[in-house]
Amino acid sequence: MNNLKPLKWPGLIALFVVPTILNFIACRIAIPVLDSAKIFPIEISYFISVGLGVLAPMFFAAIFLTSREIKTYITRDILMRMRVKKLSLTDSIWAVAGFIILVLASFLIAKLILPVFNIDATPFFFRNMPLKAENFFILYVWPLFFFFNIFGEEFFWRGYIQPRQELLNKKWTWLFHGLLWAFWHLPMGLDLILASLPIFFILPAIVQIRQNTSIAIIIHFVFGAFGFLALALGMIH
């Protein structure tokens, strides 16, 4: 970590643009093509297209780029470079507080702001939500996708990129990082970005303050799992 080199703007932009292009291909080309075949629900098309085409490559790219940077494939060293560490008591408090703030902010946006503009925050690839009995098998397929969803994003964005970005953007890292992360979601729909604004800035801010990527992994995991399951089981609309 002492020899960490700062990212330069071209490199930083490239690290966000390339995954965004992959996400565009997955969301705007692959999902419609698979969905038109009527073989399985669109949610499975989403899992396949974005999971295998975007998130899994990001997961392995983060590990590869990190290992190449530190010149070792030892798991402990890779995680140390990514700042994936055990949570201290203070870290745990930040994780709980960050989750609560994220939930409250997301709730206020969903219930008070989006309805004013007649915006439905449910992504186009979740049109079968809540799930009917014949589509409940989606819940059994989801965990593998969710693994790459959380660890693909967190290892790549907060683990590999953010430590080097902090040397470039200094105290404003959380802001630029959040804006670029939101940009990556653009192929998924502007409505989703508006509904997800809090998480784009809360996670990088907490990681920047605490220097611990594990906090973001935990918050992202709990928030993402609750959101998907609540939507799938009809707990939220």
Protein backbone atom coordinates (compact mmCIF):
# COMPACT_ATOMS: atom_id res chain seq x y z
CA MET A 1 0.00 0.00 0.00
CA ASN A 2 2.91 2.35 0.62
CA ASN A 3 3.92 2.02 -3.04
CA LEU A 4 0.41 2.66 -4.32
CA LYS A 5 0.44 4.84 -7.40
CA PRO A 6 -2.36 7.37 -8.05
CA LEU A 7 -4.63 6.86 -10.99
CA LYS A 8 -4.50 9.46 -13.72
CA TRP A 9 -7.71 10.82 -15.19
CA PRO A 10 -7.51 8.83 -18.48
CA GLY A 11 -6.98 5.61 -16.56
CA LEU A 12 -9.76 6.39 -14.10
CA ILE A 13 -12.23 7.17 -16.87
CA ALA A 14 -11.23 4.03 -18.80
CA LEU A 15 -11.78 1.83 -15.74
CA PHE A 16 -15.37 3.06 -15.55
CA VAL A 17 -16.12 3.42 -19.27
CA VAL A 18 -15.13 -0.13 -20.28
CA PRO A 19 -17.50 -1.79 -17.74
CA THR A 20 -20.18 0.72 -18.74
CA ILE A 21 -19.87 -0.34 -22.39
CA LEU A 22 -20.17 -3.97 -21.31
CA ASN A 23 -23.21 -3.04 -19.22
CA PHE A 24 -24.78 -1.28 -22.21
CA ILE A 25 -24.27 -4.34 -24.41
CA ALA A 26 -25.72 -6.58 -21.70
CA CYS A 27 -28.76 -4.41 -20.89
CA ARG A 28 -29.63 -2.96 -24.28
CA ILE A 29 -28.67 -5.81 -26.61
CA ALA A 30 -28.24 -9.14 -24.81
CA ILE A 31 -31.26 -8.91 -22.50
CA PRO A 32 -33.72 -7.97 -25.31
CA VAL A 33 -32.33 -10.74 -27.54
CA LEU A 34 -32.62 -13.39 -24.83
CA ASP A 35 -36.02 -12.12 -23.74
CA SER A 36 -37.36 -12.25 -27.30
CA ALA A 37 -36.58 -15.95 -27.40
CA LYS A 38 -39.17 -16.50 -24.63
CA ILE A 39 -37.12 -19.33 -23.11
CA PHE A 40 -37.11 -18.01 -19.55
CA PRO A 41 -38.26 -14.90 -17.60
CA ILE A 42 -36.48 -11.62 -18.25
CA GLU A 43 -34.97 -11.75 -14.77
CA ILE A 44 -32.94 -14.80 -15.83
CA SER A 45 -31.92 -12.96 -19.00
CA TYR A 46 -30.66 -10.18 -16.73
CA PHE A 47 -28.74 -12.59 -14.50
CA ILE A 48 -27.07 -14.18 -17.53
CA SER A 49 -26.32 -10.98 -19.46
CA VAL A 50 -25.18 -8.70 -16.66
CA GLY A 51 -23.91 -11.42 -14.34
CA LEU A 52 -21.76 -13.32 -16.83
CA GLY A 53 -21.12 -10.46 -19.22
CA VAL A 54 -20.29 -7.66 -16.80
CA LEU A 55 -20.09 -8.49 -13.10
CA ALA A 56 -18.10 -11.73 -13.29
CA PRO A 57 -15.50 -10.10 -15.59
CA MET A 58 -15.26 -7.18 -13.14
CA PHE A 59 -14.69 -9.60 -10.26
CA PHE A 60 -11.87 -11.43 -12.01
CA ALA A 61 -10.45 -8.21 -13.47
CA ALA A 62 -10.19 -6.71 -9.99
CA ILE A 63 -8.27 -9.73 -8.75
CA PHE A 64 -6.03 -9.82 -11.83
CA LEU A 65 -5.26 -6.10 -11.82
CA THR A 66 -4.57 -6.10 -8.10
CA SER A 67 -2.33 -9.15 -8.24
CA ARG A 68 -0.43 -7.71 -11.18
CA GLU A 69 0.04 -4.45 -9.29
CA ILE A 70 1.35 -6.08 -6.13
CA LYS A 71 3.10 -8.89 -8.04
CA THR A 72 1.56 -11.76 -6.09
CA TYR A 73 -1.50 -14.00 -6.23
CA ILE A 74 -1.60 -14.61 -2.49
CA THR A 75 -5.19 -14.06 -1.37
CA ARG A 76 -4.24 -12.36 1.89
CA ASP A 77 -2.09 -9.80 0.06
CA ILE A 78 -4.75 -9.14 -2.57
CA LEU A 79 -7.39 -8.49 0.08
CA MET A 80 -4.99 -6.29 2.03
CA ARG A 81 -4.35 -4.18 -1.09
CA MET A 82 -8.13 -3.96 -1.64
CA ARG A 83 -8.51 -2.89 2.01
CA VAL A 84 -10.84 -5.80 2.73
CA LYS A 85 -10.24 -6.02 6.47
CA LYS A 86 -11.89 -7.20 9.66
CA LEU A 87 -14.33 -4.74 11.12
CA SER A 88 -13.38 -2.95 14.30
CA LEU A 89 -16.09 -1.84 16.71
CA THR A 90 -15.99 1.62 15.11
CA ASP A 91 -16.24 0.10 11.65
CA SER A 92 -19.27 -1.89 12.78
CA ILE A 93 -20.94 1.26 14.05
CA TRP A 94 -20.26 2.96 10.72
CA ALA A 95 -21.72 -0.03 8.88
CA VAL A 96 -24.93 0.04 10.90
CA ALA A 97 -25.24 3.83 10.72
CA GLY A 98 -24.48 3.83 7.00
CA PHE A 99 -27.11 1.17 6.35
CA ILE A 100 -29.76 3.04 8.34
CA ILE A 101 -29.01 6.32 6.55
CA LEU A 102 -29.09 4.53 3.19
CA VAL A 103 -32.45 2.91 3.92
CA LEU A 104 -34.01 6.16 5.14
CA ALA A 105 -32.67 8.20 2.22
CA SER A 106 -33.80 5.58 -0.32
CA PHE A 107 -37.24 5.38 1.30
CA LEU A 108 -37.70 9.15 1.18
CA ILE A 109 -36.71 9.28 -2.49
CA ALA A 110 -38.98 6.33 -3.39
CA LYS A 111 -42.01 7.60 -1.47
CA LEU A 112 -41.75 11.39 -1.65
CA ILE A 113 -39.71 12.38 -4.70
CA LEU A 114 -40.19 9.75 -7.41
CA PRO A 115 -44.03 9.77 -7.24
CA VAL A 116 -44.04 13.52 -7.91
CA PHE A 117 -42.42 12.84 -11.29
CA ASN A 118 -44.42 9.64 -11.86
CA ILE A 119 -41.24 7.56 -11.84
CA ASP A 120 -41.36 3.81 -11.21
CA ALA A 121 -38.05 2.75 -9.68
CA THR A 122 -38.49 -0.93 -10.60
CA PRO A 123 -35.95 -1.77 -13.35
CA PHE A 124 -37.23 -2.98 -16.71
CA PHE A 125 -35.56 -6.37 -16.15
CA PHE A 126 -37.68 -7.03 -13.05
CA ARG A 127 -41.06 -6.87 -14.75
CA ASN A 128 -42.26 -10.16 -13.20
CA MET A 129 -41.99 -8.80 -9.67
CA PRO A 130 -43.46 -9.78 -7.31
CA LEU A 131 -42.85 -13.36 -8.39
CA LYS A 132 -45.71 -15.73 -9.09
CA ALA A 133 -45.50 -19.40 -8.17
CA GLU A 134 -44.28 -20.49 -11.61
CA ASN A 135 -41.33 -18.08 -11.41
CA PHE A 136 -40.19 -18.84 -7.87
CA PHE A 137 -37.27 -20.83 -9.27
CA ILE A 138 -35.66 -17.43 -9.94
CA LEU A 139 -34.89 -17.25 -6.22
CA TYR A 140 -32.69 -20.34 -6.54
CA VAL A 141 -30.74 -18.91 -9.47
CA TRP A 142 -30.29 -15.47 -7.91
CA PRO A 143 -27.57 -16.25 -5.27
CA LEU A 144 -24.83 -16.94 -7.85
CA PHE A 145 -25.66 -13.71 -9.67
CA PHE A 146 -25.80 -11.85 -6.35
CA PHE A 147 -22.32 -13.05 -5.40
CA PHE A 148 -20.81 -11.45 -8.51
CA ASN A 149 -23.11 -8.44 -8.09
CA ILE A 150 -21.66 -7.63 -4.68
CA PHE A 151 -18.07 -8.81 -4.98
CA GLY A 152 -17.71 -7.86 -8.64
CA GLU A 153 -18.68 -4.27 -7.91
CA GLU A 154 -17.05 -3.89 -4.51
CA PHE A 155 -13.74 -5.54 -5.44
CA PHE A 156 -13.52 -3.53 -8.66
CA TRP A 157 -14.89 -0.11 -7.61
CA ARG A 158 -13.99 0.18 -3.93
CA GLY A 159 -11.27 -2.46 -3.71
CA TYR A 160 -9.09 -1.84 -6.74
CA ILE A 161 -10.01 1.64 -8.01
CA GLN A 162 -10.85 3.75 -4.97
CA PRO A 163 -7.54 3.46 -3.06
CA ARG A 164 -5.67 4.76 -6.11
CA GLN A 165 -8.40 7.27 -6.92
CA GLU A 166 -8.02 8.78 -3.46
CA LEU A 167 -4.47 9.73 -4.40
CA LEU A 168 -5.86 11.58 -7.43
CA ASN A 169 -9.09 13.16 -6.22
CA LYS A 170 -8.14 13.55 -2.54
CA LYS A 171 -11.05 14.64 -0.35
CA TRP A 172 -13.44 14.74 -3.33
CA THR A 173 -12.96 11.07 -4.20
CA TRP A 174 -16.38 10.05 -2.84
CA LEU A 175 -18.08 12.58 -5.12
CA PHE A 176 -16.27 11.71 -8.37
CA HIS A 177 -16.39 8.01 -7.56
CA GLY A 178 -20.13 8.20 -6.92
CA LEU A 179 -20.80 10.07 -10.15
CA LEU A 180 -18.79 7.56 -12.19
CA TRP A 181 -20.47 4.63 -10.44
CA ALA A 182 -23.87 6.14 -11.25
CA PHE A 183 -22.73 6.49 -14.87
CA TRP A 184 -22.06 2.74 -14.97
CA HIS A 185 -25.73 2.16 -14.09
CA LEU A 186 -27.00 4.35 -16.93
CA PRO A 187 -27.76 1.42 -19.29
CA MET A 188 -30.07 0.07 -16.60
CA GLY A 189 -32.27 3.14 -16.82
CA LEU A 190 -32.29 6.71 -15.53
CA ASP A 191 -35.16 5.81 -13.19
CA LEU A 192 -32.96 3.30 -11.40
CA ILE A 193 -30.19 5.87 -11.04
CA LEU A 194 -32.54 8.40 -9.47
CA ALA A 195 -33.88 5.80 -7.06
CA SER A 196 -30.36 4.65 -6.15
CA LEU A 197 -28.66 8.03 -5.68
CA PRO A 198 -27.94 7.60 -1.95
CA ILE A 199 -25.90 4.42 -2.32
CA PHE A 200 -23.70 5.91 -5.04
CA PHE A 201 -22.23 8.41 -2.60
CA ILE A 202 -22.70 6.84 0.83
CA LEU A 203 -20.59 3.74 0.14
CA PRO A 204 -17.51 5.48 -1.32
CA ALA A 205 -17.71 8.15 1.39
CA ILE A 206 -17.68 5.61 4.22
CA VAL A 207 -14.88 3.62 2.59
CA GLN A 208 -12.87 6.81 2.16
CA ILE A 209 -13.36 7.78 5.80
CA ARG A 210 -12.73 4.35 7.33
CA GLN A 211 -10.28 2.96 4.74
CA ASN A 212 -12.09 -0.37 4.92
CA THR A 213 -13.82 -1.90 1.89
CA SER A 214 -15.48 -4.54 4.06
CA ILE A 215 -17.96 -1.96 5.31
CA ALA A 216 -19.18 -1.30 1.77
CA ILE A 217 -19.39 -5.04 1.06
CA ILE A 218 -21.59 -5.61 4.10
CA ILE A 219 -23.88 -2.62 3.49
CA HIS A 220 -24.19 -3.41 -0.22
CA PHE A 221 -24.91 -7.07 0.55
CA VAL A 222 -27.62 -6.45 3.15
CA PHE A 223 -29.24 -3.58 1.25
CA GLY A 224 -29.16 -5.43 -2.07
CA ALA A 225 -30.45 -8.71 -0.65
CA PHE A 226 -33.27 -7.04 1.26
CA GLY A 227 -34.26 -4.95 -1.78
CA PHE A 228 -34.38 -7.89 -4.17
CA LEU A 229 -36.17 -10.28 -1.82
CA ALA A 230 -38.66 -7.63 -0.73
CA LEU A 231 -39.43 -6.90 -4.40
CA ALA A 232 -39.60 -10.59 -5.36
CA LEU A 233 -41.86 -11.51 -2.46
CA GLY A 234 -44.15 -8.49 -2.83
CA MET A 235 -43.09 -6.78 0.38
CA ILE A 236 -42.55 -3.48 -1.45
CA HIS A 237 -44.08 -2.01 -4.59
